[in-house]
Amino acid sequence: MNLNKNVKVIKVLAGASSAGTTLTSSAVDTQGFEGVMFVGSIATANAGNFAKVQQSRDDGSSDAYADLEGTKLVTGDDADSFLIDINKPRERYLKCLVVRGGADTVTGDVYAILYGPRKAPTTHGSTIDAETHASPAEGTA
């Protein structure tokens, strides 16, 4: 089994230059999936620089996004990556926020990896180019 056909990868937030503002990803619709992992990086380790996840049942139309308890993740060292995994979210839509409140910092891209699809194979986000190989022979790439 290849993981590529059993997950959906979406780039939800582009990396940003040094600043002290909060960055909010695009919404991730988790319908049809068991969970989602957000993966990204924060250049400057600081207690005020962290990632967290919020949820909404209707993508913020009448139900505003609210923080998910315990999802605040402060990276330990400069240039560390973060991974926040939400299994069986209680509401359908999730966003990842990168808060840059402690020190101006650069961020890397943030990706959402939806897993546990009810129907496979899945289709990745439009900015993801993917290939799948099973037992490839040695040779020229």
N, C-alpha and C. Protein backbone atom coordinates (compact mmCIF):
# COMPACT_ATOMS: atom_id res chain seq x y z
N MET A 1 0.84 -1.18 0.00
CA MET A 1 0.00 0.00 0.00
C MET A 1 0.89 1.25 0.00
N ASN A 2 0.61 2.15 -0.90
CA ASN A 2 1.33 3.42 -0.94
C ASN A 2 0.56 4.47 -0.15
N LEU A 3 1.27 5.22 0.67
CA LEU A 3 0.66 6.28 1.45
C LEU A 3 0.06 7.35 0.53
N ASN A 4 0.73 7.63 -0.58
CA ASN A 4 0.31 8.67 -1.52
C ASN A 4 -1.15 8.53 -1.94
N LYS A 5 -1.64 7.31 -2.11
CA LYS A 5 -3.01 7.09 -2.56
C LYS A 5 -4.01 7.05 -1.41
N ASN A 6 -3.52 7.15 -0.17
CA ASN A 6 -4.39 7.04 1.00
C ASN A 6 -4.36 8.26 1.90
N VAL A 7 -3.81 9.35 1.37
CA VAL A 7 -3.84 10.64 2.06
C VAL A 7 -4.12 11.72 1.01
N LYS A 8 -4.49 12.89 1.51
CA LYS A 8 -4.65 14.05 0.64
C LYS A 8 -3.76 15.13 1.21
N VAL A 9 -2.85 15.66 0.40
CA VAL A 9 -1.91 16.69 0.84
C VAL A 9 -2.32 18.02 0.21
N ILE A 10 -2.42 19.04 1.05
CA ILE A 10 -2.81 20.37 0.59
C ILE A 10 -1.85 21.40 1.20
N LYS A 11 -1.33 22.28 0.36
CA LYS A 11 -0.56 23.42 0.88
C LYS A 11 -1.59 24.45 1.32
N VAL A 12 -1.64 24.74 2.64
CA VAL A 12 -2.69 25.62 3.17
C VAL A 12 -2.20 27.01 3.54
N LEU A 13 -0.87 27.19 3.58
CA LEU A 13 -0.32 28.49 3.94
C LEU A 13 1.08 28.60 3.35
N ALA A 14 1.32 29.66 2.59
CA ALA A 14 2.65 29.88 2.03
C ALA A 14 3.57 30.46 3.10
N GLY A 15 4.84 30.15 2.98
CA GLY A 15 5.84 30.72 3.89
C GLY A 15 5.80 32.23 3.82
N ALA A 16 6.21 32.87 4.92
CA ALA A 16 6.15 34.33 4.98
C ALA A 16 7.47 34.89 5.50
N SER A 17 7.77 36.13 5.09
CA SER A 17 8.98 36.79 5.54
C SER A 17 8.83 37.25 6.98
N SER A 18 9.90 37.74 7.51
CA SER A 18 9.95 38.12 8.92
C SER A 18 8.94 39.21 9.25
N ALA A 19 8.12 38.92 10.26
CA ALA A 19 7.14 39.89 10.77
C ALA A 19 6.62 39.38 12.10
N GLY A 20 5.78 40.16 12.74
CA GLY A 20 5.23 39.77 14.03
C GLY A 20 3.73 39.52 13.99
N THR A 21 3.18 39.32 12.80
CA THR A 21 1.74 39.12 12.66
C THR A 21 1.36 37.65 12.72
N THR A 22 0.09 37.38 12.97
CA THR A 22 -0.43 36.01 12.96
C THR A 22 -0.82 35.63 11.54
N LEU A 23 -0.45 34.43 11.14
CA LEU A 23 -0.79 33.90 9.82
C LEU A 23 -1.87 32.84 9.99
N THR A 24 -2.89 32.89 9.14
CA THR A 24 -3.99 31.93 9.21
C THR A 24 -4.07 31.16 7.90
N SER A 25 -4.09 29.84 8.00
CA SER A 25 -4.15 28.99 6.81
C SER A 25 -5.54 29.06 6.19
N SER A 26 -5.64 28.56 4.98
CA SER A 26 -6.95 28.38 4.38
C SER A 26 -7.65 27.25 5.14
N ALA A 27 -8.96 27.19 5.02
CA ALA A 27 -9.75 26.18 5.73
C ALA A 27 -9.53 24.80 5.11
N VAL A 28 -9.51 23.79 5.95
CA VAL A 28 -9.41 22.40 5.51
C VAL A 28 -10.73 21.72 5.82
N ASP A 29 -11.38 21.22 4.77
CA ASP A 29 -12.63 20.48 4.93
C ASP A 29 -12.28 19.02 5.21
N THR A 30 -12.60 18.56 6.39
CA THR A 30 -12.22 17.20 6.79
C THR A 30 -13.28 16.15 6.46
N GLN A 31 -14.36 16.56 5.79
CA GLN A 31 -15.42 15.61 5.47
C GLN A 31 -14.85 14.46 4.64
N GLY A 32 -15.13 13.24 5.04
CA GLY A 32 -14.66 12.07 4.32
C GLY A 32 -13.31 11.56 4.79
N PHE A 33 -12.73 12.18 5.83
CA PHE A 33 -11.44 11.77 6.35
C PHE A 33 -11.52 11.59 7.86
N GLU A 34 -10.65 10.73 8.38
CA GLU A 34 -10.61 10.47 9.82
C GLU A 34 -9.89 11.58 10.58
N GLY A 35 -8.93 12.22 9.94
CA GLY A 35 -8.18 13.26 10.63
C GLY A 35 -7.30 14.04 9.68
N VAL A 36 -6.57 15.01 10.27
CA VAL A 36 -5.66 15.85 9.49
C VAL A 36 -4.45 16.20 10.34
N MET A 37 -3.28 16.21 9.71
CA MET A 37 -2.04 16.66 10.34
C MET A 37 -1.61 17.94 9.65
N PHE A 38 -1.29 18.94 10.46
CA PHE A 38 -0.71 20.17 9.94
C PHE A 38 0.79 20.11 10.19
N VAL A 39 1.59 20.40 9.15
CA VAL A 39 3.04 20.35 9.25
C VAL A 39 3.60 21.65 8.68
N GLY A 40 4.49 22.30 9.44
CA GLY A 40 5.10 23.54 8.98
C GLY A 40 6.35 23.84 9.77
N SER A 41 6.90 25.05 9.59
CA SER A 41 8.10 25.41 10.33
C SER A 41 8.06 26.87 10.76
N ILE A 42 8.75 27.12 11.87
CA ILE A 42 8.87 28.46 12.44
C ILE A 42 10.37 28.72 12.63
N ALA A 43 10.87 29.83 12.05
CA ALA A 43 12.32 30.06 12.05
C ALA A 43 12.89 30.42 13.41
N THR A 44 12.15 31.19 14.22
CA THR A 44 12.70 31.68 15.48
C THR A 44 11.94 31.08 16.66
N ALA A 45 12.65 30.31 17.48
CA ALA A 45 12.03 29.75 18.67
C ALA A 45 11.84 30.85 19.70
N ASN A 46 10.61 30.98 20.19
CA ASN A 46 10.27 31.99 21.19
C ASN A 46 8.93 31.59 21.77
N ALA A 47 8.72 31.81 23.05
CA ALA A 47 7.45 31.42 23.69
C ALA A 47 6.25 32.09 23.04
N GLY A 48 6.46 33.24 22.39
CA GLY A 48 5.37 33.94 21.73
C GLY A 48 5.15 33.53 20.29
N ASN A 49 6.02 32.66 19.76
CA ASN A 49 5.87 32.14 18.40
C ASN A 49 5.41 30.69 18.49
N PHE A 50 4.22 30.42 17.97
CA PHE A 50 3.69 29.06 18.09
C PHE A 50 2.65 28.80 17.00
N ALA A 51 2.27 27.53 16.87
CA ALA A 51 1.20 27.12 15.97
C ALA A 51 0.05 26.59 16.81
N LYS A 52 -1.17 26.73 16.29
CA LYS A 52 -2.35 26.19 16.96
C LYS A 52 -3.40 25.90 15.90
N VAL A 53 -4.45 25.17 16.30
CA VAL A 53 -5.51 24.80 15.38
C VAL A 53 -6.85 25.31 15.90
N GLN A 54 -7.68 25.76 14.96
CA GLN A 54 -9.03 26.20 15.27
C GLN A 54 -10.03 25.40 14.43
N GLN A 55 -11.30 25.35 14.89
CA GLN A 55 -12.32 24.61 14.16
C GLN A 55 -13.62 25.41 14.04
N SER A 56 -14.43 25.03 13.04
CA SER A 56 -15.74 25.62 12.82
C SER A 56 -16.63 24.57 12.15
N ARG A 57 -17.90 24.56 12.46
CA ARG A 57 -18.77 23.57 11.83
C ARG A 57 -19.23 24.00 10.44
N ASP A 58 -19.17 25.33 10.14
CA ASP A 58 -19.67 25.80 8.84
C ASP A 58 -18.70 26.75 8.14
N ASP A 59 -17.41 26.57 8.34
CA ASP A 59 -16.36 27.39 7.73
C ASP A 59 -16.50 28.86 8.09
N GLY A 60 -16.97 29.13 9.31
CA GLY A 60 -17.02 30.50 9.81
C GLY A 60 -18.22 31.31 9.37
N SER A 61 -19.17 30.71 8.62
CA SER A 61 -20.34 31.47 8.15
C SER A 61 -21.14 32.01 9.32
N SER A 62 -21.61 31.13 10.20
CA SER A 62 -22.32 31.59 11.39
C SER A 62 -21.66 31.06 12.66
N ASP A 63 -20.78 30.08 12.49
CA ASP A 63 -20.04 29.49 13.62
C ASP A 63 -18.58 29.94 13.48
N ALA A 64 -18.19 30.93 14.28
CA ALA A 64 -16.82 31.46 14.19
C ALA A 64 -15.82 30.37 14.54
N TYR A 65 -14.61 30.51 14.01
CA TYR A 65 -13.53 29.57 14.34
C TYR A 65 -13.13 29.75 15.80
N ALA A 66 -12.92 28.64 16.49
CA ALA A 66 -12.52 28.66 17.90
C ALA A 66 -11.30 27.77 18.10
N ASP A 67 -10.42 28.17 19.02
CA ASP A 67 -9.22 27.38 19.32
C ASP A 67 -9.60 25.99 19.80
N LEU A 68 -8.78 25.00 19.46
CA LEU A 68 -8.92 23.65 19.98
C LEU A 68 -7.99 23.51 21.19
N GLU A 69 -8.54 23.09 22.28
CA GLU A 69 -7.81 22.97 23.53
C GLU A 69 -6.58 22.08 23.38
N GLY A 70 -5.45 22.57 23.89
CA GLY A 70 -4.22 21.79 23.91
C GLY A 70 -3.44 21.75 22.61
N THR A 71 -3.89 22.49 21.58
CA THR A 71 -3.18 22.40 20.29
C THR A 71 -2.05 23.40 20.13
N LYS A 72 -1.87 24.31 21.09
CA LYS A 72 -0.77 25.28 21.00
C LYS A 72 0.56 24.53 21.07
N LEU A 73 1.40 24.71 20.04
CA LEU A 73 2.68 24.02 19.99
C LEU A 73 3.78 25.05 19.76
N VAL A 74 4.65 25.21 20.75
CA VAL A 74 5.79 26.12 20.67
C VAL A 74 6.99 25.28 20.25
N THR A 75 7.64 25.66 19.15
CA THR A 75 8.81 24.91 18.71
C THR A 75 9.96 25.14 19.68
N GLY A 76 10.80 24.11 19.86
CA GLY A 76 11.86 24.15 20.86
C GLY A 76 13.12 24.88 20.45
N ASP A 77 13.46 24.83 19.18
CA ASP A 77 14.71 25.43 18.69
C ASP A 77 14.44 26.20 17.41
N ASP A 78 15.34 27.13 17.09
CA ASP A 78 15.23 27.86 15.83
C ASP A 78 15.17 26.89 14.66
N ALA A 79 14.33 27.20 13.69
CA ALA A 79 14.16 26.42 12.46
C ALA A 79 13.54 25.05 12.68
N ASP A 80 12.94 24.81 13.85
CA ASP A 80 12.23 23.54 14.07
C ASP A 80 10.93 23.53 13.27
N SER A 81 10.47 22.33 12.98
CA SER A 81 9.18 22.13 12.33
C SER A 81 8.16 21.75 13.39
N PHE A 82 6.89 21.96 13.08
CA PHE A 82 5.82 21.53 13.98
C PHE A 82 4.91 20.56 13.25
N LEU A 83 4.26 19.72 14.01
CA LEU A 83 3.28 18.77 13.49
C LEU A 83 2.16 18.70 14.53
N ILE A 84 0.97 19.06 14.11
CA ILE A 84 -0.21 18.99 14.98
C ILE A 84 -1.21 18.06 14.29
N ASP A 85 -1.55 16.97 14.95
CA ASP A 85 -2.42 15.93 14.40
C ASP A 85 -3.77 15.97 15.11
N ILE A 86 -4.83 16.18 14.35
CA ILE A 86 -6.19 16.21 14.90
C ILE A 86 -6.93 14.99 14.35
N ASN A 87 -7.15 14.01 15.21
CA ASN A 87 -7.86 12.79 14.84
C ASN A 87 -9.32 12.93 15.27
N LYS A 88 -10.21 12.63 14.35
CA LYS A 88 -11.66 12.70 14.60
C LYS A 88 -12.09 14.07 15.15
N PRO A 89 -11.87 15.13 14.35
CA PRO A 89 -12.28 16.46 14.82
C PRO A 89 -13.78 16.49 15.08
N ARG A 90 -14.17 17.31 16.03
CA ARG A 90 -15.59 17.42 16.40
C ARG A 90 -16.37 18.28 15.42
N GLU A 91 -15.67 19.15 14.69
CA GLU A 91 -16.32 19.98 13.69
C GLU A 91 -15.61 19.80 12.36
N ARG A 92 -16.27 20.14 11.27
CA ARG A 92 -15.84 19.79 9.92
C ARG A 92 -14.64 20.57 9.40
N TYR A 93 -14.53 21.85 9.70
CA TYR A 93 -13.50 22.70 9.12
C TYR A 93 -12.43 23.05 10.15
N LEU A 94 -11.16 22.98 9.72
CA LEU A 94 -10.03 23.30 10.59
C LEU A 94 -9.12 24.29 9.89
N LYS A 95 -8.46 25.13 10.70
CA LYS A 95 -7.43 26.04 10.21
C LYS A 95 -6.24 25.95 11.15
N CYS A 96 -5.06 26.17 10.59
CA CYS A 96 -3.84 26.24 11.39
C CYS A 96 -3.41 27.70 11.42
N LEU A 97 -3.10 28.19 12.61
CA LEU A 97 -2.61 29.55 12.77
C LEU A 97 -1.17 29.51 13.25
N VAL A 98 -0.33 30.35 12.67
CA VAL A 98 1.05 30.51 13.13
C VAL A 98 1.12 31.90 13.74
N VAL A 99 1.26 31.93 15.05
CA VAL A 99 1.28 33.18 15.80
C VAL A 99 2.74 33.61 15.95
N ARG A 100 3.03 34.82 15.53
CA ARG A 100 4.39 35.36 15.63
C ARG A 100 4.35 36.57 16.55
N GLY A 101 4.12 36.33 17.83
CA GLY A 101 3.93 37.41 18.77
C GLY A 101 5.14 37.68 19.65
N GLY A 102 6.08 36.75 19.69
CA GLY A 102 7.22 36.92 20.58
C GLY A 102 8.41 37.56 19.93
N ALA A 103 8.62 37.27 18.67
CA ALA A 103 9.76 37.82 17.93
C ALA A 103 9.43 37.75 16.46
N ASP A 104 9.83 38.77 15.71
CA ASP A 104 9.64 38.71 14.27
C ASP A 104 10.29 37.44 13.75
N THR A 105 9.59 36.74 12.90
CA THR A 105 10.15 35.48 12.41
C THR A 105 9.64 35.14 11.03
N VAL A 106 10.44 34.36 10.33
CA VAL A 106 10.10 33.81 9.02
C VAL A 106 9.41 32.47 9.25
N THR A 107 8.45 32.14 8.41
CA THR A 107 7.82 30.83 8.49
C THR A 107 7.98 30.10 7.17
N GLY A 108 7.93 28.80 7.23
CA GLY A 108 7.93 27.98 6.03
C GLY A 108 6.49 27.71 5.62
N ASP A 109 6.31 27.01 4.51
CA ASP A 109 4.98 26.60 4.07
C ASP A 109 4.35 25.71 5.13
N VAL A 110 3.03 25.72 5.19
CA VAL A 110 2.29 24.83 6.07
C VAL A 110 1.43 23.92 5.19
N TYR A 111 1.49 22.63 5.48
CA TYR A 111 0.74 21.63 4.73
C TYR A 111 -0.26 20.93 5.63
N ALA A 112 -1.41 20.58 5.06
CA ALA A 112 -2.40 19.74 5.73
C ALA A 112 -2.35 18.38 5.06
N ILE A 113 -2.24 17.34 5.87
CA ILE A 113 -2.24 15.97 5.35
C ILE A 113 -3.48 15.29 5.92
N LEU A 114 -4.49 15.14 5.07
CA LEU A 114 -5.73 14.47 5.49
C LEU A 114 -5.52 12.97 5.35
N TYR A 115 -5.94 12.21 6.34
CA TYR A 115 -5.71 10.77 6.32
C TYR A 115 -6.97 10.01 6.72
N GLY A 116 -6.94 8.69 6.50
CA GLY A 116 -8.09 7.86 6.82
C GLY A 116 -9.27 8.16 5.92
N PRO A 117 -9.06 8.17 4.60
CA PRO A 117 -10.17 8.51 3.71
C PRO A 117 -11.25 7.42 3.70
N ARG A 118 -12.49 7.87 3.59
CA ARG A 118 -13.57 6.89 3.46
C ARG A 118 -13.57 6.28 2.06
N LYS A 119 -12.98 7.03 1.11
CA LYS A 119 -12.91 6.56 -0.27
C LYS A 119 -11.52 6.86 -0.80
N ALA A 120 -10.82 5.85 -1.28
CA ALA A 120 -9.48 6.02 -1.86
C ALA A 120 -9.52 5.52 -3.29
N PRO A 121 -8.64 5.94 -4.18
CA PRO A 121 -7.55 6.87 -3.92
C PRO A 121 -8.05 8.30 -3.81
N THR A 122 -7.23 9.12 -3.18
CA THR A 122 -7.57 10.52 -2.99
C THR A 122 -6.88 11.38 -4.04
N THR A 123 -7.29 12.63 -4.13
CA THR A 123 -6.68 13.59 -5.05
C THR A 123 -6.06 14.70 -4.21
N HIS A 124 -4.79 15.00 -4.45
CA HIS A 124 -4.07 16.03 -3.69
C HIS A 124 -4.53 17.42 -4.11
N GLY A 125 -4.12 18.42 -3.31
CA GLY A 125 -4.40 19.81 -3.64
C GLY A 125 -3.77 20.20 -4.96
N SER A 126 -4.25 21.28 -5.56
CA SER A 126 -3.82 21.67 -6.90
C SER A 126 -2.35 22.07 -6.99
N THR A 127 -1.71 22.41 -5.87
CA THR A 127 -0.29 22.81 -5.92
C THR A 127 0.65 21.66 -5.61
N ILE A 128 0.13 20.46 -5.49
CA ILE A 128 0.95 19.29 -5.15
C ILE A 128 1.12 18.42 -6.39
N ASP A 129 2.36 18.22 -6.82
CA ASP A 129 2.69 17.30 -7.91
C ASP A 129 3.19 16.02 -7.27
N ALA A 130 2.58 14.89 -7.59
CA ALA A 130 2.91 13.64 -6.90
C ALA A 130 3.09 12.49 -7.89
N GLU A 131 3.92 11.55 -7.49
CA GLU A 131 4.12 10.30 -8.23
C GLU A 131 4.08 9.15 -7.23
N THR A 132 3.72 7.98 -7.71
CA THR A 132 3.73 6.78 -6.88
C THR A 132 4.54 5.71 -7.60
N HIS A 133 5.44 5.05 -6.85
CA HIS A 133 6.27 3.99 -7.41
C HIS A 133 6.24 2.80 -6.46
N ALA A 134 6.12 1.61 -7.01
CA ALA A 134 6.16 0.39 -6.20
C ALA A 134 7.33 -0.46 -6.65
N SER A 135 8.25 -0.73 -5.76
CA SER A 135 9.44 -1.55 -6.02
C SER A 135 10.20 -1.12 -7.28
N PRO A 136 10.57 0.16 -7.41
CA PRO A 136 11.28 0.59 -8.60
C PRO A 136 12.71 0.00 -8.66
N ALA A 137 13.14 -0.27 -9.87
CA ALA A 137 14.49 -0.79 -10.08
C ALA A 137 15.50 0.35 -9.94
N GLU A 138 16.76 0.01 -9.66
CA GLU A 138 17.81 1.01 -9.63
C GLU A 138 18.06 1.50 -11.03
N GLY A 139 18.49 2.74 -11.16
CA GLY A 139 18.77 3.31 -12.48
C GLY A 139 18.66 4.81 -12.43
N THR A 140 18.62 5.41 -13.60
CA THR A 140 18.54 6.86 -13.72
C THR A 140 17.19 7.34 -13.23
N ALA A 141 17.21 8.37 -12.40
CA ALA A 141 15.95 8.91 -11.89
C ALA A 141 15.26 9.60 -13.01
